[in-house]
Amino acid sequence: MFGCYNPSMHRIPHAAELAELADRRDAPRIEVEGRYSMRLDPCDGRGPITCALLDYSVTGVRLQLPEDMALPAEVQVLIGELSHQARIVWRNGTTIGVDFIDEHHSIF
């Protein structure tokens, strides 16, 4: 019974739950309060979505979506000509927390 893990059983935590975890982040966040934008590619046939960048670190970003929309758990974050594999780790309405999958091993 405990030997199997089903990824669909993994619950994405609400932003309020993450407030307790803020001091356990891998890297410090830098607030930019939406002064910059970033593109998010859902890799599902839709084009890239331009989002407001709220904060960032070397391990992820917090983004404001232009509207409430369904997104897959894994996405591509586009920064200029660079592309990062990423996963959405939390969501609160149109605000999402995105973790760069391919960056953790190269930084730590």
Protein backbone atom coordinates (compact mmCIF):
# COMPACT_ATOMS: atom_id res chain seq x y z
CA MET A 1 0.00 0.00 0.00
CA PHE A 2 2.74 2.47 0.88
CA GLY A 3 5.14 1.32 -1.84
CA CYS A 4 3.30 3.08 -4.67
CA TYR A 5 3.34 6.78 -5.35
CA ASN A 6 0.85 8.36 -7.70
CA PRO A 7 1.92 11.88 -8.83
CA SER A 8 -1.73 12.85 -9.25
CA MET A 9 -2.10 12.44 -5.47
CA HIS A 10 0.37 15.28 -4.88
CA ARG A 11 -1.56 18.34 -3.75
CA ILE A 12 -0.35 21.82 -4.77
CA PRO A 13 -0.36 23.88 -1.55
CA HIS A 14 -2.28 27.13 -1.21
CA ALA A 15 -0.22 30.33 -0.88
CA ALA A 16 -1.27 30.78 2.76
CA GLU A 17 0.29 27.42 3.63
CA LEU A 18 3.54 28.49 2.00
CA ALA A 19 3.91 31.53 4.25
CA GLU A 20 5.03 29.11 6.95
CA LEU A 21 7.72 27.76 4.62
CA ALA A 22 9.16 31.14 3.55
CA ASP A 23 12.22 30.82 5.77
CA ARG A 24 13.07 27.42 4.24
CA ARG A 25 13.64 28.66 0.68
CA ASP A 26 16.76 27.50 -1.13
CA ALA A 27 17.63 31.03 -2.22
CA PRO A 28 16.58 34.57 -1.28
CA ARG A 29 13.83 36.23 -3.36
CA ILE A 30 14.08 39.68 -4.90
CA GLU A 31 10.82 41.65 -5.14
CA VAL A 32 10.21 43.52 -8.40
CA GLU A 33 6.44 44.03 -7.97
CA GLY A 34 5.43 43.55 -11.60
CA ARG A 35 7.83 46.04 -13.16
CA TYR A 36 9.05 43.34 -15.54
CA SER A 37 7.37 40.63 -17.56
CA MET A 38 8.25 37.05 -18.32
CA ARG A 39 6.80 34.52 -20.76
CA LEU A 40 5.42 31.18 -19.70
CA ASP A 41 5.00 28.43 -22.30
CA PRO A 42 2.45 25.81 -21.25
CA CYS A 43 3.76 23.49 -24.03
CA ASP A 44 0.22 22.41 -24.87
CA GLY A 45 -0.30 24.09 -28.24
CA ARG A 46 -1.08 27.55 -26.87
CA GLY A 47 1.46 30.26 -27.48
CA PRO A 48 3.59 31.73 -24.68
CA ILE A 49 1.69 33.69 -22.02
CA THR A 50 3.13 37.04 -20.93
CA CYS A 51 3.02 37.33 -17.12
CA ALA A 52 4.01 40.06 -14.67
CA LEU A 53 7.13 39.11 -12.68
CA LEU A 54 6.49 39.71 -8.97
CA ASP A 55 9.71 38.28 -7.53
CA TYR A 56 12.54 35.97 -8.49
CA SER A 57 15.49 33.98 -7.22
CA VAL A 58 17.99 31.64 -8.81
CA THR A 59 15.60 28.74 -8.13
CA GLY A 60 12.23 30.16 -9.25
CA VAL A 61 9.81 33.01 -9.80
CA ARG A 62 6.45 34.30 -8.62
CA LEU A 63 4.29 35.34 -11.57
CA GLN A 64 0.94 37.09 -12.06
CA LEU A 65 -1.05 35.54 -14.91
CA PRO A 66 -3.04 37.94 -17.15
CA GLU A 67 -6.22 35.98 -16.31
CA ASP A 68 -7.29 32.86 -14.47
CA MET A 69 -6.49 29.91 -16.74
CA ALA A 70 -5.73 26.22 -16.58
CA LEU A 71 -2.04 25.35 -16.73
CA PRO A 72 -0.18 22.02 -16.70
CA ALA A 73 2.04 21.20 -13.73
CA GLU A 74 5.21 21.43 -15.87
CA VAL A 75 5.89 24.43 -18.11
CA GLN A 76 8.74 26.28 -19.81
CA VAL A 77 9.77 29.71 -18.53
CA LEU A 78 11.12 31.89 -21.33
CA ILE A 79 13.62 34.61 -20.42
CA GLY A 80 14.78 36.33 -23.57
CA GLU A 81 16.29 33.54 -25.66
CA LEU A 82 16.72 31.22 -22.64
CA SER A 83 14.24 28.52 -21.73
CA HIS A 84 14.00 26.81 -18.34
CA GLN A 85 12.08 23.66 -17.51
CA ALA A 86 9.88 24.50 -14.57
CA ARG A 87 6.97 23.30 -12.48
CA ILE A 88 4.15 25.19 -10.84
CA VAL A 89 4.50 24.51 -7.12
CA TRP A 90 1.66 26.66 -5.77
CA ARG A 91 -1.20 28.81 -6.99
CA ASN A 92 -3.47 31.48 -5.50
CA GLY A 93 -5.93 32.72 -8.14
CA THR A 94 -3.85 34.31 -10.90
CA THR A 95 -0.60 34.29 -8.88
CA ILE A 96 1.65 31.25 -9.29
CA GLY A 97 4.91 30.06 -7.78
CA VAL A 98 7.23 28.46 -10.32
CA ASP A 99 10.26 26.31 -9.50
CA PHE A 100 13.09 26.02 -12.05
CA ILE A 101 13.64 22.27 -12.34
CA ASP A 102 16.91 22.49 -14.26
CA GLU A 103 18.59 25.06 -12.00
CA HIS A 104 18.76 23.39 -8.61
CA HIS A 105 21.53 20.97 -9.49
CA SER A 106 23.76 23.58 -11.08
CA ILE A 107 23.53 26.04 -8.18
CA PHE A 108 23.74 23.92 -5.04
